[in-house]
PDB file of all heavy atoms in Angstrom:
ATOM      1  N   VAL A   1       4.799  29.712 114.328  1.00  0.00           N
ATOM      2  CA  VAL A   1       5.154  31.182 114.265  1.00  0.00           C
ATOM      3  C   VAL A   1       5.310  31.544 112.805  1.00  0.00           C
ATOM      4  O   VAL A   1       6.013  30.790 112.081  1.00  0.00           O
ATOM      5  CB  VAL A   1       6.267  31.497 114.998  1.00  0.00           C
ATOM      6  CG1 VAL A   1       6.641  32.903 114.823  1.00  0.00           C
ATOM      7  CG2 VAL A   1       6.060  31.344 116.497  1.00  0.00           C
ATOM      8  N   GLN A   2       4.640  32.603 112.471  1.00  0.00           N
ATOM      9  CA  GLN A   2       4.858  33.101 111.069  1.00  0.00           C
ATOM     10  C   GLN A   2       4.943  34.604 111.048  1.00  0.00           C
ATOM     11  O   GLN A   2       4.175  35.333 111.750  1.00  0.00           O
ATOM     12  CB  GLN A   2       3.721  32.715 110.109  1.00  0.00           C
ATOM     13  CG  GLN A   2       3.828  31.274 109.581  1.00  0.00           C
ATOM     14  CD  GLN A   2       2.931  31.030 108.388  1.00  0.00           C
ATOM     15  OE1 GLN A   2       1.754  31.363 108.426  1.00  0.00           O
ATOM     16  NE2 GLN A   2       3.422  30.396 107.316  1.00  0.00           N
ATOM     17  N   LEU A   3       5.834  35.135 110.269  1.00  0.00           N
ATOM     18  CA  LEU A   3       5.888  36.523 109.969  1.00  0.00           C
ATOM     19  C   LEU A   3       6.078  36.691 108.596  1.00  0.00           C
ATOM     20  O   LEU A   3       7.020  36.136 107.853  1.00  0.00           O
ATOM     21  CB  LEU A   3       7.216  37.217 110.618  1.00  0.00           C
ATOM     22  CG  LEU A   3       7.246  37.265 112.263  1.00  0.00           C
ATOM     23  CD1 LEU A   3       8.629  37.751 112.695  1.00  0.00           C
ATOM     24  CD2 LEU A   3       6.103  38.190 112.719  1.00  0.00           C
ATOM     25  N   VAL A   4       5.004  37.349 107.924  1.00  0.00           N
ATOM     26  CA  VAL A   4       4.944  37.503 106.533  1.00  0.00           C
ATOM     27  C   VAL A   4       4.997  38.865 106.104  1.00  0.00           C
ATOM     28  O   VAL A   4       3.993  39.657 106.285  1.00  0.00           O
ATOM     29  CB  VAL A   4       3.646  36.722 105.971  1.00  0.00           C
ATOM     30  CG1 VAL A   4       3.638  36.846 104.453  1.00  0.00           C
ATOM     31  CG2 VAL A   4       3.575  35.265 106.422  1.00  0.00           C
ATOM     32  N   GLU A   5       6.122  39.269 105.393  1.00  0.00           N
ATOM     33  CA  GLU A   5       6.210  40.693 104.949  1.00  0.00           C
ATOM     34  C   GLU A   5       5.583  40.726 103.610  1.00  0.00           C
ATOM     35  O   GLU A   5       5.503  39.884 102.806  1.00  0.00           O
ATOM     36  CB  GLU A   5       7.672  41.058 104.788  1.00  0.00           C
ATOM     37  CG  GLU A   5       8.553  41.026 106.161  1.00  0.00           C
ATOM     38  CD  GLU A   5       9.354  39.750 106.297  1.00  0.00           C
ATOM     39  OE1 GLU A   5       8.884  38.714 105.668  1.00  0.00           O
ATOM     40  OE2 GLU A   5      10.365  39.741 107.032  1.00  0.00           O
ATOM     41  N   SER A   6       5.141  42.024 103.265  1.00  0.00           N
ATOM     42  CA  SER A   6       4.607  42.328 101.958  1.00  0.00           C
ATOM     43  C   SER A   6       4.742  43.834 101.720  1.00  0.00           C
ATOM     44  O   SER A   6       4.987  44.544 102.685  1.00  0.00           O
ATOM     45  CB  SER A   6       3.124  41.838 101.889  1.00  0.00           C
ATOM     46  OG  SER A   6       2.387  42.623 102.825  1.00  0.00           O
ATOM     47  N   GLY A   7       4.520  44.281 100.491  1.00  0.00           N
ATOM     48  CA  GLY A   7       4.556  45.594 100.183  1.00  0.00           C
ATOM     49  C   GLY A   7       5.762  46.110  99.544  1.00  0.00           C
ATOM     50  O   GLY A   7       5.975  47.253  99.009  1.00  0.00           O
ATOM     51  N   GLY A   8       6.754  45.282  99.339  1.00  0.00           N
ATOM     52  CA  GLY A   8       7.976  45.621  98.612  1.00  0.00           C
ATOM     53  C   GLY A   8       7.796  45.683  97.116  1.00  0.00           C
ATOM     54  O   GLY A   8       6.690  45.277  96.642  1.00  0.00           O
ATOM     55  N   GLY A   9       8.824  46.047  96.412  1.00  0.00           N
ATOM     56  CA  GLY A   9       8.711  46.067  94.974  1.00  0.00           C
ATOM     57  C   GLY A   9       9.735  47.109  94.354  1.00  0.00           C
ATOM     58  O   GLY A   9      10.567  47.678  95.051  1.00  0.00           O
ATOM     59  N   LEU A  10       9.488  47.409  93.152  1.00  0.00           N
ATOM     60  CA  LEU A  10      10.338  48.520  92.417  1.00  0.00           C
ATOM     61  C   LEU A  10       9.527  49.771  92.401  1.00  0.00           C
ATOM     62  O   LEU A  10       8.347  49.830  92.012  1.00  0.00           O
ATOM     63  CB  LEU A  10      10.502  47.983  90.928  1.00  0.00           C
ATOM     64  CG  LEU A  10      11.231  49.051  90.094  1.00  0.00           C
ATOM     65  CD1 LEU A  10      12.639  49.179  90.527  1.00  0.00           C
ATOM     66  CD2 LEU A  10      11.253  48.374  88.660  1.00  0.00           C
ATOM     67  N   VAL A  11      10.171  50.755  93.033  1.00  0.00           N
ATOM     68  CA  VAL A  11       9.567  52.080  93.004  1.00  0.00           C
ATOM     69  C   VAL A  11      10.526  53.158  92.589  1.00  0.00           C
ATOM     70  O   VAL A  11      11.746  53.015  92.684  1.00  0.00           O
ATOM     71  CB  VAL A  11       9.115  52.388  94.467  1.00  0.00           C
ATOM     72  CG1 VAL A  11       7.918  51.501  94.896  1.00  0.00           C
ATOM     73  CG2 VAL A  11      10.268  52.247  95.471  1.00  0.00           C
ATOM     74  N   GLN A  12       9.925  54.312  92.178  1.00  0.00           N
ATOM     75  CA  GLN A  12      10.810  55.369  91.604  1.00  0.00           C
ATOM     76  C   GLN A  12      11.260  56.273  92.738  1.00  0.00           C
ATOM     77  O   GLN A  12      10.599  56.304  93.847  1.00  0.00           O
ATOM     78  CB  GLN A  12      10.010  56.158  90.685  1.00  0.00           C
ATOM     79  CG  GLN A  12       9.651  55.433  89.398  1.00  0.00           C
ATOM     80  CD  GLN A  12       9.147  56.375  88.311  1.00  0.00           C
ATOM     81  OE1 GLN A  12       8.706  57.537  88.576  1.00  0.00           O
ATOM     82  NE2 GLN A  12       9.197  55.920  87.065  1.00  0.00           N
ATOM     83  N   PRO A  13      12.423  56.933  92.671  1.00  0.00           N
ATOM     84  CA  PRO A  13      12.921  57.774  93.649  1.00  0.00           C
ATOM     85  C   PRO A  13      11.900  58.891  93.942  1.00  0.00           C
ATOM     86  O   PRO A  13      11.228  59.341  93.060  1.00  0.00           O
ATOM     87  CB  PRO A  13      14.167  58.326  92.977  1.00  0.00           C
ATOM     88  CG  PRO A  13      14.669  57.278  91.990  1.00  0.00           C
ATOM     89  CD  PRO A  13      13.458  56.677  91.481  1.00  0.00           C
ATOM     90  N   GLY A  14      11.833  59.256  95.228  1.00  0.00           N
ATOM     91  CA  GLY A  14      10.933  60.316  95.563  1.00  0.00           C
ATOM     92  C   GLY A  14       9.545  59.801  95.999  1.00  0.00           C
ATOM     93  O   GLY A  14       8.704  60.545  96.624  1.00  0.00           O
ATOM     94  N   GLY A  15       9.242  58.606  95.712  1.00  0.00           N
ATOM     95  CA  GLY A  15       7.910  57.931  96.041  1.00  0.00           C
ATOM     96  C   GLY A  15       7.892  57.480  97.386  1.00  0.00           C
ATOM     97  O   GLY A  15       8.858  57.729  98.248  1.00  0.00           O
ATOM     98  N   SER A  16       6.833  56.813  97.794  1.00  0.00           N
ATOM     99  CA  SER A  16       6.539  56.277  99.091  1.00  0.00           C
ATOM    100  C   SER A  16       6.136  54.806  98.997  1.00  0.00           C
ATOM    101  O   SER A  16       5.670  54.411  97.901  1.00  0.00           O
ATOM    102  CB  SER A  16       5.414  57.139  99.796  1.00  0.00           C
ATOM    103  OG  SER A  16       5.823  58.393  99.940  1.00  0.00           O
ATOM    104  N   LEU A  17       6.355  54.165 100.130  1.00  0.00           N
ATOM    105  CA  LEU A  17       6.061  52.785 100.223  1.00  0.00           C
ATOM    106  C   LEU A  17       5.683  52.377 101.569  1.00  0.00           C
ATOM    107  O   LEU A  17       6.266  52.937 102.562  1.00  0.00           O
ATOM    108  CB  LEU A  17       7.252  52.027  99.775  1.00  0.00           C
ATOM    109  CG  LEU A  17       7.215  50.505  99.363  1.00  0.00           C
ATOM    110  CD1 LEU A  17       6.428  50.362  98.070  1.00  0.00           C
ATOM    111  CD2 LEU A  17       8.631  49.929  99.154  1.00  0.00           C
ATOM    112  N   ARG A  18       4.711  51.499 101.730  1.00  0.00           N
ATOM    113  CA  ARG A  18       4.359  50.898 103.035  1.00  0.00           C
ATOM    114  C   ARG A  18       4.652  49.458 103.071  1.00  0.00           C
ATOM    115  O   ARG A  18       4.010  48.699 102.385  1.00  0.00           O
ATOM    116  CB  ARG A  18       3.074  51.273 103.558  1.00  0.00           C
ATOM    117  CG  ARG A  18       2.773  50.947 104.929  1.00  0.00           C
ATOM    118  CD  ARG A  18       1.473  51.351 105.515  1.00  0.00           C
ATOM    119  NE  ARG A  18       0.396  50.417 105.051  1.00  0.00           N
ATOM    120  CZ  ARG A  18      -0.798  50.338 105.767  1.00  0.00           C
ATOM    121  NH1 ARG A  18      -1.030  51.140 106.779  1.00  0.00           N
ATOM    122  NH2 ARG A  18      -1.726  49.467 105.360  1.00  0.00           N
ATOM    123  N   LEU A  19       5.526  48.915 104.031  1.00  0.00           N
ATOM    124  CA  LEU A  19       5.703  47.543 104.119  1.00  0.00           C
ATOM    125  C   LEU A  19       4.838  47.112 105.253  1.00  0.00           C
ATOM    126  O   LEU A  19       4.608  47.847 106.249  1.00  0.00           O
ATOM    127  CB  LEU A  19       7.219  47.281 104.507  1.00  0.00           C
ATOM    128  CG  LEU A  19       8.229  47.731 103.500  1.00  0.00           C
ATOM    129  CD1 LEU A  19       9.601  47.382 103.970  1.00  0.00           C
ATOM    130  CD2 LEU A  19       8.006  47.315 102.089  1.00  0.00           C
ATOM    131  N   SER A  20       4.317  45.876 105.158  1.00  0.00           N
ATOM    132  CA  SER A  20       3.498  45.311 106.232  1.00  0.00           C
ATOM    133  C   SER A  20       4.119  44.014 106.609  1.00  0.00           C
ATOM    134  O   SER A  20       4.840  43.207 105.790  1.00  0.00           O
ATOM    135  CB  SER A  20       2.200  44.989 105.728  1.00  0.00           C
ATOM    136  OG  SER A  20       1.469  46.220 105.284  1.00  0.00           O
ATOM    137  N   CYS A  21       3.905  43.571 107.871  1.00  0.00           N
ATOM    138  CA  CYS A  21       4.416  42.365 108.383  1.00  0.00           C
ATOM    139  C   CYS A  21       3.205  41.740 109.185  1.00  0.00           C
ATOM    140  O   CYS A  21       2.899  42.215 110.265  1.00  0.00           O
ATOM    141  CB  CYS A  21       5.595  42.532 109.224  1.00  0.00           C
ATOM    142  SG  CYS A  21       6.171  40.942 110.121  1.00  0.00           S
ATOM    143  N   ALA A  22       2.655  40.688 108.652  1.00  0.00           N
ATOM    144  CA  ALA A  22       1.569  40.002 109.364  1.00  0.00           C
ATOM    145  C   ALA A  22       2.107  38.840 110.217  1.00  0.00           C
ATOM    146  O   ALA A  22       2.760  37.980 109.732  1.00  0.00           O
ATOM    147  CB  ALA A  22       0.540  39.504 108.369  1.00  0.00           C
ATOM    148  N   ALA A  23       1.720  38.931 111.498  1.00  0.00           N
ATOM    149  CA  ALA A  23       2.324  37.872 112.401  1.00  0.00           C
ATOM    150  C   ALA A  23       1.221  36.921 112.889  1.00  0.00           C
ATOM    151  O   ALA A  23      -0.073  37.305 112.956  1.00  0.00           O
ATOM    152  CB  ALA A  23       2.842  38.672 113.680  1.00  0.00           C
ATOM    153  N   SER A  24       1.606  35.772 113.250  1.00  0.00           N
ATOM    154  CA  SER A  24       0.698  34.738 113.820  1.00  0.00           C
ATOM    155  C   SER A  24       1.493  33.727 114.555  1.00  0.00           C
ATOM    156  O   SER A  24       2.689  33.544 114.371  1.00  0.00           O
ATOM    157  CB  SER A  24      -0.063  34.019 112.664  1.00  0.00           C
ATOM    158  OG  SER A  24       0.790  33.423 111.722  1.00  0.00           O
ATOM    159  N   GLY A  25       0.788  33.038 115.442  1.00  0.00           N
ATOM    160  CA  GLY A  25       1.424  31.970 116.147  1.00  0.00           C
ATOM    161  C   GLY A  25       2.060  32.344 117.464  1.00  0.00           C
ATOM    162  O   GLY A  25       2.681  31.527 118.158  1.00  0.00           O
ATOM    163  N   PHE A  26       1.967  33.564 117.861  1.00  0.00           N
ATOM    164  CA  PHE A  26       2.481  34.087 119.173  1.00  0.00           C
ATOM    165  C   PHE A  26       1.650  35.293 119.546  1.00  0.00           C
ATOM    166  O   PHE A  26       0.879  35.871 118.764  1.00  0.00           O
ATOM    167  CB  PHE A  26       3.954  34.399 119.076  1.00  0.00           C
ATOM    168  CG  PHE A  26       4.282  35.587 118.129  1.00  0.00           C
ATOM    169  CD1 PHE A  26       4.528  36.825 118.606  1.00  0.00           C
ATOM    170  CD2 PHE A  26       4.489  35.298 116.801  1.00  0.00           C
ATOM    171  CE1 PHE A  26       4.867  37.813 117.680  1.00  0.00           C
ATOM    172  CE2 PHE A  26       4.816  36.333 115.874  1.00  0.00           C
ATOM    173  CZ  PHE A  26       4.982  37.578 116.365  1.00  0.00           C
ATOM    174  N   THR A  27       1.856  35.680 120.813  1.00  0.00           N
ATOM    175  CA  THR A  27       1.049  36.814 121.348  1.00  0.00           C
ATOM    176  C   THR A  27       1.687  38.115 120.861  1.00  0.00           C
ATOM    177  O   THR A  27       2.622  38.673 121.583  1.00  0.00           O
ATOM    178  CB  THR A  27       0.919  36.795 122.871  1.00  0.00           C
ATOM    179  OG1 THR A  27       0.490  35.418 123.190  1.00  0.00           O
ATOM    180  CG2 THR A  27      -0.047  37.800 123.402  1.00  0.00           C
ATOM    181  N   PHE A  28       1.230  38.635 119.721  1.00  0.00           N
ATOM    182  CA  PHE A  28       1.873  39.746 119.073  1.00  0.00           C
ATOM    183  C   PHE A  28       1.983  40.926 119.946  1.00  0.00           C
ATOM    184  O   PHE A  28       3.066  41.576 120.004  1.00  0.00           O
ATOM    185  CB  PHE A  28       1.011  40.039 117.814  1.00  0.00           C
ATOM    186  CG  PHE A  28       1.492  41.296 117.106  1.00  0.00           C
ATOM    187  CD1 PHE A  28       2.524  41.102 116.213  1.00  0.00           C
ATOM    188  CD2 PHE A  28       0.888  42.528 117.171  1.00  0.00           C
ATOM    189  CE1 PHE A  28       2.962  42.243 115.403  1.00  0.00           C
ATOM    190  CE2 PHE A  28       1.274  43.610 116.461  1.00  0.00           C
ATOM    191  CZ  PHE A  28       2.356  43.416 115.533  1.00  0.00           C
ATOM    192  N   SER A  29       1.038  41.293 120.671  1.00  0.00           N
ATOM    193  CA  SER A  29       1.090  42.482 121.466  1.00  0.00           C
ATOM    194  C   SER A  29       2.100  42.563 122.541  1.00  0.00           C
ATOM    195  O   SER A  29       2.407  43.608 123.047  1.00  0.00           O
ATOM    196  CB  SER A  29      -0.396  42.668 122.132  1.00  0.00           C
ATOM    197  OG  SER A  29      -0.639  41.672 123.033  1.00  0.00           O
ATOM    198  N   GLN A  30       2.681  41.376 122.901  1.00  0.00           N
ATOM    199  CA  GLN A  30       3.627  41.334 123.961  1.00  0.00           C
ATOM    200  C   GLN A  30       5.072  41.379 123.406  1.00  0.00           C
ATOM    201  O   GLN A  30       5.932  41.365 124.262  1.00  0.00           O
ATOM    202  CB  GLN A  30       3.498  40.006 124.769  1.00  0.00           C
ATOM    203  CG  GLN A  30       2.067  39.962 125.521  1.00  0.00           C
ATOM    204  CD  GLN A  30       1.933  38.711 126.280  1.00  0.00           C
ATOM    205  OE1 GLN A  30       2.799  37.867 126.374  1.00  0.00           O
ATOM    206  NE2 GLN A  30       0.789  38.500 126.922  1.00  0.00           N
ATOM    207  N   TYR A  31       5.210  41.425 122.152  1.00  0.00           N
ATOM    208  CA  TYR A  31       6.482  41.462 121.551  1.00  0.00           C
ATOM    209  C   TYR A  31       6.924  42.794 121.015  1.00  0.00           C
ATOM    210  O   TYR A  31       6.016  43.564 120.432  1.00  0.00           O
ATOM    211  CB  TYR A  31       6.579  40.454 120.318  1.00  0.00           C
ATOM    212  CG  TYR A  31       6.709  39.027 120.832  1.00  0.00           C
ATOM    213  CD1 TYR A  31       5.722  38.356 121.559  1.00  0.00           C
ATOM    214  CD2 TYR A  31       7.873  38.351 120.534  1.00  0.00           C
ATOM    215  CE1 TYR A  31       5.858  37.071 122.009  1.00  0.00           C
ATOM    216  CE2 TYR A  31       8.077  36.982 120.981  1.00  0.00           C
ATOM    217  CZ  TYR A  31       6.979  36.422 121.640  1.00  0.00           C
ATOM    218  OH  TYR A  31       7.186  35.053 122.090  1.00  0.00           O
ATOM    219  N   ALA A  32       8.162  43.244 121.126  1.00  0.00           N
ATOM    220  CA  ALA A  32       8.675  44.285 120.383  1.00  0.00           C
ATOM    221  C   ALA A  32       8.811  43.827 118.960  1.00  0.00           C
ATOM    222  O   ALA A  32       9.258  42.706 118.633  1.00  0.00           O
ATOM    223  CB  ALA A  32      10.076  44.656 120.949  1.00  0.00           C
ATOM    224  N   MET A  33       8.510  44.732 118.080  1.00  0.00           N
ATOM    225  CA  MET A  33       8.637  44.412 116.641  1.00  0.00           C
ATOM    226  C   MET A  33       9.704  45.322 115.958  1.00  0.00           C
ATOM    227  O   MET A  33       9.791  46.563 116.319  1.00  0.00           O
ATOM    228  CB  MET A  33       7.280  44.633 115.950  1.00  0.00           C
ATOM    229  CG  MET A  33       6.142  43.768 116.517  1.00  0.00           C
ATOM    230  SD  MET A  33       6.586  41.984 116.295  1.00  0.00           S
ATOM    231  CE  MET A  33       6.657  41.784 114.486  1.00  0.00           C
ATOM    232  N   ARG A  34      10.409  44.787 115.078  1.00  0.00           N
ATOM    233  CA  ARG A  34      11.510  45.574 114.435  1.00  0.00           C
ATOM    234  C   ARG A  34      11.562  45.286 112.928  1.00  0.00           C
ATOM    235  O   ARG A  34      11.180  44.177 112.534  1.00  0.00           O
ATOM    236  CB  ARG A  34      12.856  45.201 115.100  1.00  0.00           C
ATOM    237  CG  ARG A  34      12.819  45.323 116.630  1.00  0.00           C
ATOM    238  CD  ARG A  34      14.123  44.964 117.308  1.00  0.00           C
ATOM    239  NE  ARG A  34      14.550  43.606 117.230  1.00  0.00           N
ATOM    240  CZ  ARG A  34      15.629  43.193 117.701  1.00  0.00           C
ATOM    241  NH1 ARG A  34      16.569  43.996 118.197  1.00  0.00           N
ATOM    242  NH2 ARG A  34      15.994  41.819 117.624  1.00  0.00           N
ATOM    243  N   TRP A  35      12.054  46.242 112.282  1.00  0.00           N
ATOM    244  CA  TRP A  35      12.452  46.088 110.824  1.00  0.00           C
ATOM    245  C   TRP A  35      13.966  46.220 110.650  1.00  0.00           C
ATOM    246  O   TRP A  35      14.662  47.163 111.217  1.00  0.00           O
ATOM    247  CB  TRP A  35      11.866  47.235 109.980  1.00  0.00           C
ATOM    248  CG  TRP A  35      10.277  46.996 109.816  1.00  0.00           C
ATOM    249  CD1 TRP A  35       9.252  47.578 110.561  1.00  0.00           C
ATOM    250  CD2 TRP A  35       9.734  46.152 108.821  1.00  0.00           C
ATOM    251  NE1 TRP A  35       8.060  47.117 109.983  1.00  0.00           N
ATOM    252  CE2 TRP A  35       8.243  46.246 109.010  1.00  0.00           C
ATOM    253  CE3 TRP A  35      10.177  45.348 107.827  1.00  0.00           C
ATOM    254  CZ2 TRP A  35       7.366  45.553 108.184  1.00  0.00           C
ATOM    255  CZ3 TRP A  35       9.260  44.674 107.034  1.00  0.00           C
ATOM    256  CH2 TRP A  35       7.921  44.813 107.261  1.00  0.00           C
ATOM    257  N   PHE A  36      14.471  45.289 109.993  1.00  0.00           N
ATOM    258  CA  PHE A  36      15.910  45.363 109.558  1.00  0.00           C
ATOM    259  C   PHE A  36      16.026  45.395 108.068  1.00  0.00           C
ATOM    260  O   PHE A  36      15.017  45.095 107.336  1.00  0.00           O
ATOM    261  CB  PHE A  36      16.631  44.018 110.050  1.00  0.00           C
ATOM    262  CG  PHE A  36      16.798  43.931 111.441  1.00  0.00           C
ATOM    263  CD1 PHE A  36      15.769  43.632 112.367  1.00  0.00           C
ATOM    264  CD2 PHE A  36      18.123  44.063 112.063  1.00  0.00           C
ATOM    265  CE1 PHE A  36      16.021  43.545 113.741  1.00  0.00           C
ATOM    266  CE2 PHE A  36      18.383  43.897 113.405  1.00  0.00           C
ATOM    267  CZ  PHE A  36      17.210  43.644 114.243  1.00  0.00           C
ATOM    268  N   ARG A  37      17.121  45.762 107.570  1.00  0.00           N
ATOM    269  CA  ARG A  37      17.427  45.667 106.171  1.00  0.00           C
ATOM    270  C   ARG A  37      18.769  45.144 105.832  1.00  0.00           C
ATOM    271  O   ARG A  37      19.676  45.287 106.678  1.00  0.00           O
ATOM    272  CB  ARG A  37      17.161  46.992 105.352  1.00  0.00           C
ATOM    273  CG  ARG A  37      18.174  48.101 105.852  1.00  0.00           C
ATOM    274  CD  ARG A  37      17.716  49.394 105.139  1.00  0.00           C
ATOM    275  NE  ARG A  37      18.666  50.485 105.481  1.00  0.00           N
ATOM    276  CZ  ARG A  37      18.466  51.775 105.202  1.00  0.00           C
ATOM    277  NH1 ARG A  37      17.342  52.109 104.405  1.00  0.00           N
ATOM    278  NH2 ARG A  37      19.279  52.662 105.629  1.00  0.00           N
ATOM    279  N   GLN A  38      18.955  44.597 104.651  1.00  0.00           N
ATOM    280  CA  GLN A  38      20.268  44.005 104.317  1.00  0.00           C
ATOM    281  C   GLN A  38      20.461  44.099 102.830  1.00  0.00           C
ATOM    282  O   GLN A  38      19.604  43.834 102.008  1.00  0.00           O
ATOM    283  CB  GLN A  38      20.219  42.495 104.748  1.00  0.00           C
ATOM    284  CG  GLN A  38      21.624  41.834 104.546  1.00  0.00           C
ATOM    285  CD  GLN A  38      21.578  40.395 105.207  1.00  0.00           C
ATOM    286  OE1 GLN A  38      20.553  39.769 105.248  1.00  0.00           O
ATOM    287  NE2 GLN A  38      22.788  39.968 105.625  1.00  0.00           N
ATOM    288  N   THR A  39      21.708  44.409 102.464  1.00  0.00           N
ATOM    289  CA  THR A  39      22.146  44.476 101.109  1.00  0.00           C
ATOM    290  C   THR A  39      23.191  43.475 100.922  1.00  0.00           C
ATOM    291  O   THR A  39      23.865  43.053 101.865  1.00  0.00           O
ATOM    292  CB  THR A  39      22.723  45.902 100.712  1.00  0.00           C
ATOM    293  OG1 THR A  39      23.734  46.208 101.653  1.00  0.00           O
ATOM    294  CG2 THR A  39      21.597  46.936 100.833  1.00  0.00           C
ATOM    295  N   PRO A  40      23.378  42.997  99.664  1.00  0.00           N
ATOM    296  CA  PRO A  40      24.400  41.913  99.373  1.00  0.00           C
ATOM    297  C   PRO A  40      25.704  42.184  99.934  1.00  0.00           C
ATOM    298  O   PRO A  40      26.255  43.329  99.758  1.00  0.00           O
ATOM    299  CB  PRO A  40      24.374  41.934  97.887  1.00  0.00           C
ATOM    300  CG  PRO A  40      23.094  42.345  97.437  1.00  0.00           C
ATOM    301  CD  PRO A  40      22.704  43.479  98.451  1.00  0.00           C
ATOM    302  N   GLY A  41      26.228  41.271 100.698  1.00  0.00           N
ATOM    303  CA  GLY A  41      27.625  41.429 101.237  1.00  0.00           C
ATOM    304  C   GLY A  41      27.739  42.198 102.521  1.00  0.00           C
ATOM    305  O   GLY A  41      28.812  42.292 103.101  1.00  0.00           O
ATOM    306  N   LYS A  42      26.578  42.743 103.056  1.00  0.00           N
ATOM    307  CA  LYS A  42      26.580  43.415 104.245  1.00  0.00           C
ATOM    308  C   LYS A  42      25.786  42.788 105.332  1.00  0.00           C
ATOM    309  O   LYS A  42      25.001  41.904 105.081  1.00  0.00           O
ATOM    310  CB  LYS A  42      26.130  44.908 103.978  1.00  0.00           C
ATOM    311  CG  LYS A  42      26.984  45.631 102.990  1.00  0.00           C
ATOM    312  CD  LYS A  42      26.598  47.130 102.924  1.00  0.00           C
ATOM    313  CE  LYS A  42      27.582  47.826 102.041  1.00  0.00           C
ATOM    314  NZ  LYS A  42      27.321  49.245 102.002  1.00  0.00           N
TER     315      LYS A  42
END
């Protein structure tokens, strides 16, 4: 199983960004997919 995120980086306020997560090793269509985020200490 692999989940590989991409699309992050340094962006300016007001801009837009699209993150991607490419999956392999399991039947993707049968899974709920979620995005989480984490900052230091939280």
